[in-house]
Structures are given as structure tokens and as C-alpha cells.
Amino acid sequence: MNTMPDIAPFRLTDSAARRIAEIAAAEGGAKALRVAVLAGGCSGFQYRFELDDAQAEDDLVIEHGAARVFIDPASLDLLAGSELDYAEALMGSHFAVRNPNASSACGCGTSFAVE
């Protein structure tokens, strides 16, 4: 199991951590939110979020309060230095990734490209 180094390769805001903990508790106490990057979407890569009870041996595990996040090594290459936030607005609420590796993103914010 990998643990976070002194400089976090992926960060959670307080609001994201609170929401992850709320969702996990409501879903029966799932272990973590898995954040992954897959090929696809309109810009080349897309984010995938899912509750996961199965931590892989090589997952990076991020803990923030009661929230836990798993990230596989291949996804971490594209997420390095990113921050996961949770925003609530009049038009709805959503998780948003602030990814410094993304050279462009689609309008929906779930698909991105890298150079």
C-alpha cells in the first residue's frame, strides 16, 4: 500500500472530503471513493468516480477526515498535483477535478486532454 508523501500528489478539499464521507456512510459504509482516469470522452480522457471496497496493493490511499480515496498508479500519472473539490450551486452539485496536467477540457468538465 502506498501512502501520501509530504507533498500530496492528489488533494481533497474539505468540502469534497465531507461529501465523500456522507456518500460512503449513506451507501453502507463503503471503504473509499475510487478516482480513475479512463480513455474516452470528447477530449481524450475522462474521470470516473465510484465507491469501492477493494483496495489494490498498489493504490495510492488518500485520507482526509473520515474520507478515503483510492487512485491506481496509471490514473495517478494523469492526476498528479490535482485537487478534488465538491461544489454546490443553484443548478446542482458536483465533484470537480482541478487538474494542472489538463491542456484542455470539454464543457461538461468530465473529459480532458493532455499534451
PDB file of N, CA and C in Angstrom:
ATOM      1  N   MET A   1       0.851  -1.178   0.000  1.00  0.00           N
ATOM      2  CA  MET A   1       0.000   0.000   0.000  1.00  0.00           C
ATOM      3  C   MET A   1       0.894   1.236   0.000  1.00  0.00           C
ATOM      4  N   ASN A   2       0.589   2.170  -0.873  1.00  0.00           N
ATOM      5  CA  ASN A   2       1.298   3.446  -0.896  1.00  0.00           C
ATOM      6  C   ASN A   2       0.592   4.413   0.034  1.00  0.00           C
ATOM      7  N   THR A   3       1.356   5.249   0.684  1.00  0.00           N
ATOM      8  CA  THR A   3       0.768   6.306   1.497  1.00  0.00           C
ATOM      9  C   THR A   3       1.197   7.637   0.932  1.00  0.00           C
ATOM     10  N   MET A   4       0.527   8.688   1.350  1.00  0.00           N
ATOM     11  CA  MET A   4       0.819  10.005   0.811  1.00  0.00           C
ATOM     12  C   MET A   4       2.195  10.487   1.240  1.00  0.00           C
ATOM     13  N   PRO A   5       2.997  10.985   0.300  1.00  0.00           N
ATOM     14  CA  PRO A   5       4.255  11.618   0.672  1.00  0.00           C
ATOM     15  C   PRO A   5       3.976  12.991   1.279  1.00  0.00           C
ATOM     16  N   ASP A   6       5.044  13.705   1.680  1.00  0.00           N
ATOM     17  CA  ASP A   6       4.880  15.018   2.297  1.00  0.00           C
ATOM     18  C   ASP A   6       4.135  15.990   1.390  1.00  0.00           C
ATOM     19  N   ILE A   7       4.418  15.952   0.092  1.00  0.00           N
ATOM     20  CA  ILE A   7       3.705  16.797  -0.868  1.00  0.00           C
ATOM     21  C   ILE A   7       2.672  15.915  -1.557  1.00  0.00           C
ATOM     22  N   ALA A   8       1.412  16.207  -1.341  1.00  0.00           N
ATOM     23  CA  ALA A   8       0.344  15.346  -1.836  1.00  0.00           C
ATOM     24  C   ALA A   8       0.265  15.360  -3.360  1.00  0.00           C
ATOM     25  N   PRO A   9       0.291  14.176  -3.988  1.00  0.00           N
ATOM     26  CA  PRO A   9       0.141  14.111  -5.432  1.00  0.00           C
ATOM     27  C   PRO A   9      -1.309  14.345  -5.857  1.00  0.00           C
ATOM     28  N   PHE A  10      -2.231  14.256  -4.900  1.00  0.00           N
ATOM     29  CA  PHE A  10      -3.653  14.468  -5.165  1.00  0.00           C
ATOM     30  C   PHE A  10      -4.253  14.933  -3.853  1.00  0.00           C
ATOM     31  N   ARG A  11      -5.015  16.008  -3.895  1.00  0.00           N
ATOM     32  CA  ARG A  11      -5.573  16.584  -2.668  1.00  0.00           C
ATOM     33  C   ARG A  11      -7.100  16.593  -2.713  1.00  0.00           C
ATOM     34  N   LEU A  12      -7.683  16.592  -1.524  1.00  0.00           N
ATOM     35  CA  LEU A  12      -9.128  16.755  -1.357  1.00  0.00           C
ATOM     36  C   LEU A  12      -9.378  18.060  -0.624  1.00  0.00           C
ATOM     37  N   THR A  13     -10.366  18.813  -1.081  1.00  0.00           N
ATOM     38  CA  THR A  13     -10.785  19.969  -0.304  1.00  0.00           C
ATOM     39  C   THR A  13     -11.626  19.461   0.866  1.00  0.00           C
ATOM     40  N   ASP A  14     -11.829  20.321   1.844  1.00  0.00           N
ATOM     41  CA  ASP A  14     -12.669  19.945   2.982  1.00  0.00           C
ATOM     42  C   ASP A  14     -14.074  19.582   2.525  1.00  0.00           C
ATOM     43  N   SER A  15     -14.627  20.336   1.565  1.00  0.00           N
ATOM     44  CA  SER A  15     -15.992  20.054   1.104  1.00  0.00           C
ATOM     45  C   SER A  15     -16.062  18.719   0.370  1.00  0.00           C
ATOM     46  N   ALA A  16     -15.041  18.369  -0.400  1.00  0.00           N
ATOM     47  CA  ALA A  16     -15.022  17.067  -1.079  1.00  0.00           C
ATOM     48  C   ALA A  16     -14.926  15.941  -0.055  1.00  0.00           C
ATOM     49  N   ALA A  17     -14.080  16.113   0.939  1.00  0.00           N
ATOM     50  CA  ALA A  17     -13.919  15.082   1.968  1.00  0.00           C
ATOM     51  C   ALA A  17     -15.222  14.862   2.734  1.00  0.00           C
ATOM     52  N   ARG A  18     -15.897  15.947   3.089  1.00  0.00           N
ATOM     53  CA  ARG A  18     -17.180  15.822   3.799  1.00  0.00           C
ATOM     54  C   ARG A  18     -18.193  15.060   2.956  1.00  0.00           C
ATOM     55  N   ARG A  19     -18.287  15.410   1.675  1.00  0.00           N
ATOM     56  CA  ARG A  19     -19.283  14.780   0.805  1.00  0.00           C
ATOM     57  C   ARG A  19     -18.958  13.307   0.562  1.00  0.00           C
ATOM     58  N   ILE A  20     -17.694  12.978   0.386  1.00  0.00           N
ATOM     59  CA  ILE A  20     -17.303  11.573   0.213  1.00  0.00           C
ATOM     60  C   ILE A  20     -17.704  10.771   1.445  1.00  0.00           C
ATOM     61  N   ALA A  21     -17.434  11.297   2.631  1.00  0.00           N
ATOM     62  CA  ALA A  21     -17.795  10.608   3.874  1.00  0.00           C
ATOM     63  C   ALA A  21     -19.309  10.444   3.984  1.00  0.00           C
ATOM     64  N   GLU A  22     -20.076  11.464   3.599  1.00  0.00           N
ATOM     65  CA  GLU A  22     -21.542  11.382   3.636  1.00  0.00           C
ATOM     66  C   GLU A  22     -22.056  10.303   2.690  1.00  0.00           C
ATOM     67  N   ILE A  23     -21.537  10.285   1.476  1.00  0.00           N
ATOM     68  CA  ILE A  23     -21.980   9.303   0.480  1.00  0.00           C
ATOM     69  C   ILE A  23     -21.617   7.889   0.930  1.00  0.00           C
ATOM     70  N   ALA A  24     -20.397   7.704   1.405  1.00  0.00           N
ATOM     71  CA  ALA A  24     -19.965   6.379   1.853  1.00  0.00           C
ATOM     72  C   ALA A  24     -20.838   5.879   3.002  1.00  0.00           C
ATOM     73  N   ALA A  25     -21.156   6.750   3.941  1.00  0.00           N
ATOM     74  CA  ALA A  25     -22.000   6.360   5.076  1.00  0.00           C
ATOM     75  C   ALA A  25     -23.404   5.995   4.606  1.00  0.00           C
ATOM     76  N   ALA A  26     -23.947   6.769   3.672  1.00  0.00           N
ATOM     77  CA  ALA A  26     -25.291   6.508   3.160  1.00  0.00           C
ATOM     78  C   ALA A  26     -25.349   5.207   2.358  1.00  0.00           C
ATOM     79  N   GLU A  27     -24.236   4.812   1.784  1.00  0.00           N
ATOM     80  CA  GLU A  27     -24.178   3.593   0.974  1.00  0.00           C
ATOM     81  C   GLU A  27     -23.711   2.387   1.784  1.00  0.00           C
ATOM     82  N   GLY A  28     -23.825   2.458   3.070  1.00  0.00           N
ATOM     83  CA  GLY A  28     -23.476   1.319   3.906  1.00  0.00           C
ATOM     84  C   GLY A  28     -22.030   1.273   4.347  1.00  0.00           C
ATOM     85  N   GLY A  29     -21.377   2.407   4.305  1.00  0.00           N
ATOM     86  CA  GLY A  29     -20.010   2.459   4.809  1.00  0.00           C
ATOM     87  C   GLY A  29     -18.963   1.917   3.861  1.00  0.00           C
ATOM     88  N   ALA A  30     -19.087   2.193   2.572  1.00  0.00           N
ATOM     89  CA  ALA A  30     -18.057   1.781   1.614  1.00  0.00           C
ATOM     90  C   ALA A  30     -16.706   2.308   2.077  1.00  0.00           C
ATOM     91  N   LYS A  31     -15.645   1.608   1.711  1.00  0.00           N
ATOM     92  CA  LYS A  31     -14.317   1.989   2.176  1.00  0.00           C
ATOM     93  C   LYS A  31     -13.841   3.313   1.610  1.00  0.00           C
ATOM     94  N   ALA A  32     -14.082   3.544   0.308  1.00  0.00           N
ATOM     95  CA  ALA A  32     -13.462   4.718  -0.309  1.00  0.00           C
ATOM     96  C   ALA A  32     -14.151   5.094  -1.611  1.00  0.00           C
ATOM     97  N   LEU A  33     -13.806   6.288  -2.066  1.00  0.00           N
ATOM     98  CA  LEU A  33     -14.163   6.720  -3.411  1.00  0.00           C
ATOM     99  C   LEU A  33     -12.959   6.426  -4.287  1.00  0.00           C
ATOM    100  N   ARG A  34     -13.175   5.667  -5.359  1.00  0.00           N
ATOM    101  CA  ARG A  34     -12.097   5.422  -6.313  1.00  0.00           C
ATOM    102  C   ARG A  34     -12.177   6.494  -7.389  1.00  0.00           C
ATOM    103  N   VAL A  35     -11.071   7.190  -7.596  1.00  0.00           N
ATOM    104  CA  VAL A  35     -10.958   8.186  -8.655  1.00  0.00           C
ATOM    105  C   VAL A  35     -10.044   7.582  -9.707  1.00  0.00           C
ATOM    106  N   ALA A  36     -10.545   7.489 -10.936  1.00  0.00           N
ATOM    107  CA  ALA A  36      -9.772   6.881 -12.017  1.00  0.00           C
ATOM    108  C   ALA A  36      -9.859   7.744 -13.262  1.00  0.00           C
ATOM    109  N   VAL A  37      -8.895   7.563 -14.141  1.00  0.00           N
ATOM    110  CA  VAL A  37      -8.893   8.217 -15.445  1.00  0.00           C
ATOM    111  C   VAL A  37      -8.944   7.116 -16.492  1.00  0.00           C
ATOM    112  N   LEU A  38      -9.901   7.240 -17.408  1.00  0.00           N
ATOM    113  CA  LEU A  38     -10.075   6.268 -18.483  1.00  0.00           C
ATOM    114  C   LEU A  38      -9.951   6.964 -19.827  1.00  0.00           C
ATOM    115  N   ALA A  39      -9.545   6.217 -20.835  1.00  0.00           N
ATOM    116  CA  ALA A  39      -9.558   6.756 -22.188  1.00  0.00           C
ATOM    117  C   ALA A  39     -11.014   6.922 -22.603  1.00  0.00           C
ATOM    118  N   GLY A  40     -11.331   8.051 -23.230  1.00  0.00           N
ATOM    119  CA  GLY A  40     -12.692   8.277 -23.692  1.00  0.00           C
ATOM    120  C   GLY A  40     -13.126   9.706 -23.485  1.00  0.00           C
ATOM    121  N   GLY A  41     -14.397   9.934 -23.687  1.00  0.00           N
ATOM    122  CA  GLY A  41     -14.926  11.284 -23.581  1.00  0.00           C
ATOM    123  C   GLY A  41     -14.594  12.088 -24.818  1.00  0.00           C
ATOM    124  N   CYS A  42     -15.073  13.291 -24.875  1.00  0.00           N
ATOM    125  CA  CYS A  42     -14.894  14.117 -26.072  1.00  0.00           C
ATOM    126  C   CYS A  42     -13.510  14.745 -26.164  1.00  0.00           C
ATOM    127  N   SER A  43     -12.714  14.684 -25.084  1.00  0.00           N
ATOM    128  CA  SER A  43     -11.381  15.299 -25.116  1.00  0.00           C
ATOM    129  C   SER A  43     -10.238  14.293 -25.010  1.00  0.00           C
ATOM    130  N   GLY A  44     -10.530  13.016 -24.910  1.00  0.00           N
ATOM    131  CA  GLY A  44      -9.484  12.003 -24.879  1.00  0.00           C
ATOM    132  C   GLY A  44      -9.415  11.186 -23.606  1.00  0.00           C
ATOM    133  N   PHE A  45      -9.625  11.836 -22.452  1.00  0.00           N
ATOM    134  CA  PHE A  45      -9.628  11.145 -21.166  1.00  0.00           C
ATOM    135  C   PHE A  45     -10.845  11.598 -20.379  1.00  0.00           C
ATOM    136  N   GLN A  46     -11.341  10.701 -19.537  1.00  0.00           N
ATOM    137  CA  GLN A  46     -12.471  11.083 -18.694  1.00  0.00           C
ATOM    138  C   GLN A  46     -12.257  10.566 -17.279  1.00  0.00           C
ATOM    139  N   TYR A  47     -12.827  11.288 -16.334  1.00  0.00           N
ATOM    140  CA  TYR A  47     -12.748  10.906 -14.928  1.00  0.00           C
ATOM    141  C   TYR A  47     -13.844   9.899 -14.627  1.00  0.00           C
ATOM    142  N   ARG A  48     -13.534   8.958 -13.739  1.00  0.00           N
ATOM    143  CA  ARG A  48     -14.553   8.034 -13.259  1.00  0.00           C
ATOM    144  C   ARG A  48     -14.494   8.033 -11.739  1.00  0.00           C
ATOM    145  N   PHE A  49     -15.661   8.138 -11.121  1.00  0.00           N
ATOM    146  CA  PHE A  49     -15.792   8.126  -9.670  1.00  0.00           C
ATOM    147  C   PHE A  49     -16.714   6.976  -9.300  1.00  0.00           C
ATOM    148  N   GLU A  50     -16.273   6.129  -8.363  1.00  0.00           N
ATOM    149  CA  GLU A  50     -17.141   5.053  -7.885  1.00  0.00           C
ATOM    150  C   GLU A  50     -16.748   4.664  -6.471  1.00  0.00           C
ATOM    151  N   LEU A  51     -17.729   4.239  -5.706  1.00  0.00           N
ATOM    152  CA  LEU A  51     -17.439   3.731  -4.370  1.00  0.00           C
ATOM    153  C   LEU A  51     -16.786   2.368  -4.515  1.00  0.00           C
ATOM    154  N   ASP A  52     -15.802   2.094  -3.674  1.00  0.00           N
ATOM    155  CA  ASP A  52     -15.031   0.862  -3.823  1.00  0.00           C
ATOM    156  C   ASP A  52     -14.632   0.327  -2.455  1.00  0.00           C
ATOM    157  N   ASP A  53     -14.841  -0.959  -2.260  1.00  0.00           N
ATOM    158  CA  ASP A  53     -14.422  -1.626  -1.033  1.00  0.00           C
ATOM    159  C   ASP A  53     -13.113  -2.381  -1.214  1.00  0.00           C
ATOM    160  N   ALA A  54     -12.639  -2.477  -2.454  1.00  0.00           N
ATOM    161  CA  ALA A  54     -11.463  -3.302  -2.750  1.00  0.00           C
ATOM    162  C   ALA A  54     -10.242  -2.435  -3.032  1.00  0.00           C
ATOM    163  N   GLN A  55      -9.407  -2.290  -2.049  1.00  0.00           N
ATOM    164  CA  GLN A  55      -8.164  -1.539  -2.217  1.00  0.00           C
ATOM    165  C   GLN A  55      -7.116  -2.447  -2.841  1.00  0.00           C
ATOM    166  N   ALA A  56      -6.541  -2.017  -3.962  1.00  0.00           N
ATOM    167  CA  ALA A  56      -5.460  -2.774  -4.589  1.00  0.00           C
ATOM    168  C   ALA A  56      -4.151  -2.486  -3.860  1.00  0.00           C
ATOM    169  N   GLU A  57      -3.235  -3.421  -3.935  1.00  0.00           N
ATOM    170  CA  GLU A  57      -1.957  -3.285  -3.230  1.00  0.00           C
ATOM    171  C   GLU A  57      -1.185  -2.045  -3.664  1.00  0.00           C
ATOM    172  N   ASP A  58      -1.301  -1.667  -4.945  1.00  0.00           N
ATOM    173  CA  ASP A  58      -0.527  -0.525  -5.456  1.00  0.00           C
ATOM    174  C   ASP A  58      -1.320   0.776  -5.511  1.00  0.00           C
ATOM    175  N   ASP A  59      -2.523   0.798  -4.946  1.00  0.00           N
ATOM    176  CA  ASP A  59      -3.312   2.033  -4.902  1.00  0.00           C
ATOM    177  C   ASP A  59      -2.644   3.079  -4.013  1.00  0.00           C
ATOM    178  N   LEU A  60      -2.733   4.324  -4.425  1.00  0.00           N
ATOM    179  CA  LEU A  60      -2.430   5.426  -3.525  1.00  0.00           C
ATOM    180  C   LEU A  60      -3.679   5.621  -2.677  1.00  0.00           C
ATOM    181  N   VAL A  61      -3.516   5.718  -1.380  1.00  0.00           N
ATOM    182  CA  VAL A  61      -4.641   5.911  -0.467  1.00  0.00           C
ATOM    183  C   VAL A  61      -4.517   7.301   0.131  1.00  0.00           C
ATOM    184  N   ILE A  62      -5.559   8.097  -0.048  1.00  0.00           N
ATOM    185  CA  ILE A  62      -5.587   9.450   0.486  1.00  0.00           C
ATOM    186  C   ILE A  62      -6.666   9.492   1.555  1.00  0.00           C
ATOM    187  N   GLU A  63      -6.311   9.962   2.724  1.00  0.00           N
ATOM    188  CA  GLU A  63      -7.265  10.078   3.823  1.00  0.00           C
ATOM    189  C   GLU A  63      -7.362  11.535   4.240  1.00  0.00           C
ATOM    190  N   HIS A  64      -8.593  11.979   4.394  1.00  0.00           N
ATOM    191  CA  HIS A  64      -8.861  13.367   4.806  1.00  0.00           C
ATOM    192  C   HIS A  64     -10.088  13.299   5.701  1.00  0.00           C
ATOM    193  N   GLY A  65      -9.886  13.419   6.991  1.00  0.00           N
ATOM    194  CA  GLY A  65     -11.002  13.234   7.916  1.00  0.00           C
ATOM    195  C   GLY A  65     -11.511  11.809   7.800  1.00  0.00           C
ATOM    196  N   ALA A  66     -12.822  11.649   7.656  1.00  0.00           N
ATOM    197  CA  ALA A  66     -13.423  10.323   7.523  1.00  0.00           C
ATOM    198  C   ALA A  66     -13.430   9.823   6.083  1.00  0.00           C
ATOM    199  N   ALA A  67     -12.968  10.633   5.154  1.00  0.00           N
ATOM    200  CA  ALA A  67     -12.991  10.263   3.730  1.00  0.00           C
ATOM    201  C   ALA A  67     -11.712   9.551   3.326  1.00  0.00           C
ATOM    202  N   ARG A  68     -11.881   8.564   2.451  1.00  0.00           N
ATOM    203  CA  ARG A  68     -10.742   7.867   1.856  1.00  0.00           C
ATOM    204  C   ARG A  68     -10.932   7.846   0.348  1.00  0.00           C
ATOM    205  N   VAL A  69      -9.816   7.985  -0.371  1.00  0.00           N
ATOM    206  CA  VAL A  69      -9.812   7.929  -1.832  1.00  0.00           C
ATOM    207  C   VAL A  69      -8.745   6.939  -2.262  1.00  0.00           C
ATOM    208  N   PHE A  70      -9.084   6.086  -3.235  1.00  0.00           N
ATOM    209  CA  PHE A  70      -8.127   5.172  -3.848  1.00  0.00           C
ATOM    210  C   PHE A  70      -7.835   5.675  -5.256  1.00  0.00           C
ATOM    211  N   ILE A  71      -6.556   5.659  -5.649  1.00  0.00           N
ATOM    212  CA  ILE A  71      -6.165   6.005  -7.021  1.00  0.00           C
ATOM    213  C   ILE A  71      -5.134   4.987  -7.485  1.00  0.00           C
ATOM    214  N   ASP A  72      -5.380   4.376  -8.649  1.00  0.00           N
ATOM    215  CA  ASP A  72      -4.431   3.416  -9.201  1.00  0.00           C
ATOM    216  C   ASP A  72      -3.242   4.161  -9.821  1.00  0.00           C
ATOM    217  N   PRO A  73      -2.087   3.505  -9.950  1.00  0.00           N
ATOM    218  CA  PRO A  73      -0.882   4.181 -10.448  1.00  0.00           C
ATOM    219  C   PRO A  73      -1.025   4.785 -11.848  1.00  0.00           C
ATOM    220  N   ALA A  74      -1.708   4.101 -12.756  1.00  0.00           N
ATOM    221  CA  ALA A  74      -1.864   4.639 -14.116  1.00  0.00           C
ATOM    222  C   ALA A  74      -2.674   5.932 -14.096  1.00  0.00           C
ATOM    223  N   SER A  75      -3.720   5.974 -13.299  1.00  0.00           N
ATOM    224  CA  SER A  75      -4.527   7.194 -13.194  1.00  0.00           C
ATOM    225  C   SER A  75      -3.751   8.304 -12.506  1.00  0.00           C
ATOM    226  N   LEU A  76      -2.938   7.936 -11.520  1.00  0.00           N
ATOM    227  CA  LEU A  76      -2.178   8.940 -10.786  1.00  0.00           C
ATOM    228  C   LEU A  76      -1.220   9.698 -11.699  1.00  0.00           C
ATOM    229  N   ASP A  77      -0.694   9.028 -12.722  1.00  0.00           N
ATOM    230  CA  ASP A  77       0.180   9.715 -13.682  1.00  0.00           C
ATOM    231  C   ASP A  77      -0.525  10.914 -14.307  1.00  0.00           C
ATOM    232  N   LEU A  78      -1.830  10.785 -14.558  1.00  0.00           N
ATOM    233  CA  LEU A  78      -2.600  11.867 -15.179  1.00  0.00           C
ATOM    234  C   LEU A  78      -3.240  12.799 -14.154  1.00  0.00           C
ATOM    235  N   LEU A  79      -3.245  12.399 -12.892  1.00  0.00           N
ATOM    236  CA  LEU A  79      -3.872  13.196 -11.834  1.00  0.00           C
ATOM    237  C   LEU A  79      -2.865  13.886 -10.916  1.00  0.00           C
ATOM    238  N   ALA A  80      -1.586  13.667 -11.130  1.00  0.00           N
ATOM    239  CA  ALA A  80      -0.560  14.202 -10.228  1.00  0.00           C
ATOM    240  C   ALA A  80      -0.720  15.709 -10.051  1.00  0.00           C
ATOM    241  N   GLY A  81      -0.778  16.141  -8.797  1.00  0.00           N
ATOM    242  CA  GLY A  81      -0.919  17.559  -8.477  1.00  0.00           C
ATOM    243  C   GLY A  81      -2.342  18.079  -8.517  1.00  0.00           C
ATOM    244  N   SER A  82      -3.308  17.209  -8.770  1.00  0.00           N
ATOM    245  CA  SER A  82      -4.708  17.634  -8.897  1.00  0.00           C
ATOM    246  C   SER A  82      -5.380  17.781  -7.536  1.00  0.00           C
ATOM    247  N   GLU A  83      -6.522  18.441  -7.562  1.00  0.00           N
ATOM    248  CA  GLU A  83      -7.330  18.638  -6.358  1.00  0.00           C
ATOM    249  C   GLU A  83      -8.774  18.299  -6.687  1.00  0.00           C
ATOM    250  N   LEU A  84      -9.411  17.524  -5.810  1.00  0.00           N
ATOM    251  CA  LEU A  84     -10.822  17.193  -5.955  1.00  0.00           C
ATOM    252  C   LEU A  84     -11.623  18.100  -5.038  1.00  0.00           C
ATOM    253  N   ASP A  85     -12.605  18.784  -5.614  1.00  0.00           N
ATOM    254  CA  ASP A  85     -13.470  19.685  -4.859  1.00  0.00           C
ATOM    255  C   ASP A  85     -14.909  19.237  -5.037  1.00  0.00           C
ATOM    256  N   TYR A  86     -15.769  19.676  -4.143  1.00  0.00           N
ATOM    257  CA  TYR A  86     -17.202  19.435  -4.257  1.00  0.00           C
ATOM    258  C   TYR A  86     -17.882  20.783  -4.163  1.00  0.00           C
ATOM    259  N   ALA A  87     -18.667  21.102  -5.176  1.00  0.00           N
ATOM    260  CA  ALA A  87     -19.325  22.408  -5.233  1.00  0.00           C
ATOM    261  C   ALA A  87     -20.835  22.232  -5.259  1.00  0.00           C
ATOM    262  N   GLU A  88     -21.508  23.082  -4.501  1.00  0.00           N
ATOM    263  CA  GLU A  88     -22.968  23.122  -4.504  1.00  0.00           C
ATOM    264  C   GLU A  88     -23.395  24.461  -5.073  1.00  0.00           C
ATOM    265  N   ALA A  89     -24.310  24.413  -6.034  1.00  0.00           N
ATOM    266  CA  ALA A  89     -24.786  25.627  -6.682  1.00  0.00           C
ATOM    267  C   ALA A  89     -26.283  25.493  -6.942  1.00  0.00           C
ATOM    268  N   LEU A  90     -26.878  26.570  -7.366  1.00  0.00           N
ATOM    269  CA  LEU A  90     -28.306  26.596  -7.653  1.00  0.00           C
ATOM    270  C   LEU A  90     -28.693  25.550  -8.700  1.00  0.00           C
ATOM    271  N   MET A  91     -27.824  25.339  -9.674  1.00  0.00           N
ATOM    272  CA  MET A  91     -28.112  24.405 -10.763  1.00  0.00           C
ATOM    273  C   MET A  91     -27.750  22.963 -10.420  1.00  0.00           C
ATOM    274  N   GLY A  92     -27.233  22.712  -9.227  1.00  0.00           N
ATOM    275  CA  GLY A  92     -26.885  21.355  -8.826  1.00  0.00           C
ATOM    276  C   GLY A  92     -25.537  21.306  -8.137  1.00  0.00           C
ATOM    277  N   SER A  93     -25.166  20.126  -7.739  1.00  0.00           N
ATOM    278  CA  SER A  93     -23.889  19.949  -7.060  1.00  0.00           C
ATOM    279  C   SER A  93     -23.083  18.890  -7.799  1.00  0.00           C
ATOM    280  N   HIS A  94     -21.749  18.969  -7.642  1.00  0.00           N
ATOM    281  CA  HIS A  94     -20.897  18.035  -8.372  1.00  0.00           C
ATOM    282  C   HIS A  94     -19.475  18.040  -7.815  1.00  0.00           C
ATOM    283  N   PHE A  95     -18.776  16.949  -8.083  1.00  0.00           N
ATOM    284  CA  PHE A  95     -17.344  16.900  -7.824  1.00  0.00           C
ATOM    285  C   PHE A  95     -16.643  17.514  -9.024  1.00  0.00           C
ATOM    286  N   ALA A  96     -15.560  18.223  -8.782  1.00  0.00           N
ATOM    287  CA  ALA A  96     -14.773  18.829  -9.856  1.00  0.00           C
ATOM    288  C   ALA A  96     -13.300  18.577  -9.578  1.00  0.00           C
ATOM    289  N   VAL A  97     -12.584  18.183 -10.620  1.00  0.00           N
ATOM    290  CA  VAL A  97     -11.146  17.953 -10.508  1.00  0.00           C
ATOM    291  C   VAL A  97     -10.429  19.155 -11.092  1.00  0.00           C
ATOM    292  N   ARG A  98      -9.562  19.754 -10.301  1.00  0.00           N
ATOM    293  CA  ARG A  98      -8.675  20.814 -10.799  1.00  0.00           C
ATOM    294  C   ARG A  98      -7.361  20.130 -11.144  1.00  0.00           C
ATOM    295  N   ASN A  99      -7.146  19.914 -12.440  1.00  0.00           N
ATOM    296  CA  ASN A  99      -6.027  19.105 -12.900  1.00  0.00           C
ATOM    297  C   ASN A  99      -5.018  19.967 -13.653  1.00  0.00           C
ATOM    298  N   PRO A 100      -3.827  20.193 -13.092  1.00  0.00           N
ATOM    299  CA  PRO A 100      -2.830  21.020 -13.767  1.00  0.00           C
ATOM    300  C   PRO A 100      -2.240  20.353 -15.008  1.00  0.00           C
ATOM    301  N   ASN A 101      -2.482  19.059 -15.184  1.00  0.00           N
ATOM    302  CA  ASN A 101      -1.973  18.332 -16.348  1.00  0.00           C
ATOM    303  C   ASN A 101      -2.877  18.463 -17.562  1.00  0.00           C
ATOM    304  N   ALA A 102      -4.102  18.926 -17.366  1.00  0.00           N
ATOM    305  CA  ALA A 102      -5.062  19.042 -18.466  1.00  0.00           C
ATOM    306  C   ALA A 102      -4.737  20.267 -19.311  1.00  0.00           C
ATOM    307  N   SER A 103      -4.550  20.042 -20.597  1.00  0.00           N
ATOM    308  CA  SER A 103      -4.286  21.163 -21.504  1.00  0.00           C
ATOM    309  C   SER A 103      -5.584  21.756 -22.032  1.00  0.00           C
ATOM    310  N   SER A 104      -6.651  20.962 -22.016  1.00  0.00           N
ATOM    311  CA  SER A 104      -7.977  21.452 -22.393  1.00  0.00           C
ATOM    312  C   SER A 104      -9.012  20.528 -21.769  1.00  0.00           C
ATOM    313  N   ALA A 105     -10.236  21.019 -21.690  1.00  0.00           N
ATOM    314  CA  ALA A 105     -11.329  20.236 -21.117  1.00  0.00           C
ATOM    315  C   ALA A 105     -12.598  20.515 -21.899  1.00  0.00           C
ATOM    316  N   CYS A 106     -13.516  19.574 -21.854  1.00  0.00           N
ATOM    317  CA  CYS A 106     -14.795  19.794 -22.520  1.00  0.00           C
ATOM    318  C   CYS A 106     -15.697  20.633 -21.606  1.00  0.00           C
ATOM    319  N   GLY A 107     -16.794  21.068 -22.133  1.00  0.00           N
ATOM    320  CA  GLY A 107     -17.705  21.928 -21.388  1.00  0.00           C
ATOM    321  C   GLY A 107     -18.301  21.283 -20.154  1.00  0.00           C
ATOM    322  N   CYS A 108     -18.476  19.965 -20.174  1.00  0.00           N
ATOM    323  CA  CYS A 108     -19.080  19.293 -19.021  1.00  0.00           C
ATOM    324  C   CYS A 108     -18.097  19.132 -17.873  1.00  0.00           C
ATOM    325  N   GLY A 109     -16.795  19.251 -18.150  1.00  0.00           N
ATOM    326  CA  GLY A 109     -15.792  19.172 -17.101  1.00  0.00           C
ATOM    327  C   GLY A 109     -15.375  17.770 -16.717  1.00  0.00           C
ATOM    328  N   THR A 110     -15.924  16.740 -17.361  1.00  0.00           N
ATOM    329  CA  THR A 110     -15.545  15.374 -17.012  1.00  0.00           C
ATOM    330  C   THR A 110     -14.572  14.765 -18.008  1.00  0.00           C
ATOM    331  N   SER A 111     -14.263  15.462 -19.069  1.00  0.00           N
ATOM    332  CA  SER A 111     -13.340  14.968 -20.077  1.00  0.00           C
ATOM    333  C   SER A 111     -12.240  16.002 -20.288  1.00  0.00           C
ATOM    334  N   PHE A 112     -11.010  15.507 -20.505  1.00  0.00           N
ATOM    335  CA  PHE A 112      -9.892  16.437 -20.655  1.00  0.00           C
ATOM    336  C   PHE A 112      -8.844  15.858 -21.592  1.00  0.00           C
ATOM    337  N   ALA A 113      -7.947  16.711 -22.032  1.00  0.00           N
ATOM    338  CA  ALA A 113      -6.829  16.309 -22.888  1.00  0.00           C
ATOM    339  C   ALA A 113      -5.525  16.712 -22.222  1.00  0.00           C
ATOM    340  N   VAL A 114      -4.465  15.989 -22.546  1.00  0.00           N
ATOM    341  CA  VAL A 114      -3.120  16.343 -22.092  1.00  0.00           C
ATOM    342  C   VAL A 114      -2.233  16.462 -23.321  1.00  0.00           C
ATOM    343  N   GLU A 115      -1.191  17.268 -23.191  1.00  0.00           N
ATOM    344  CA  GLU A 115      -0.273  17.427 -24.326  1.00  0.00           C
ATOM    345  C   GLU A 115       0.862  16.449 -24.240  1.00  0.00           C
TER     346      GLU A 115
END
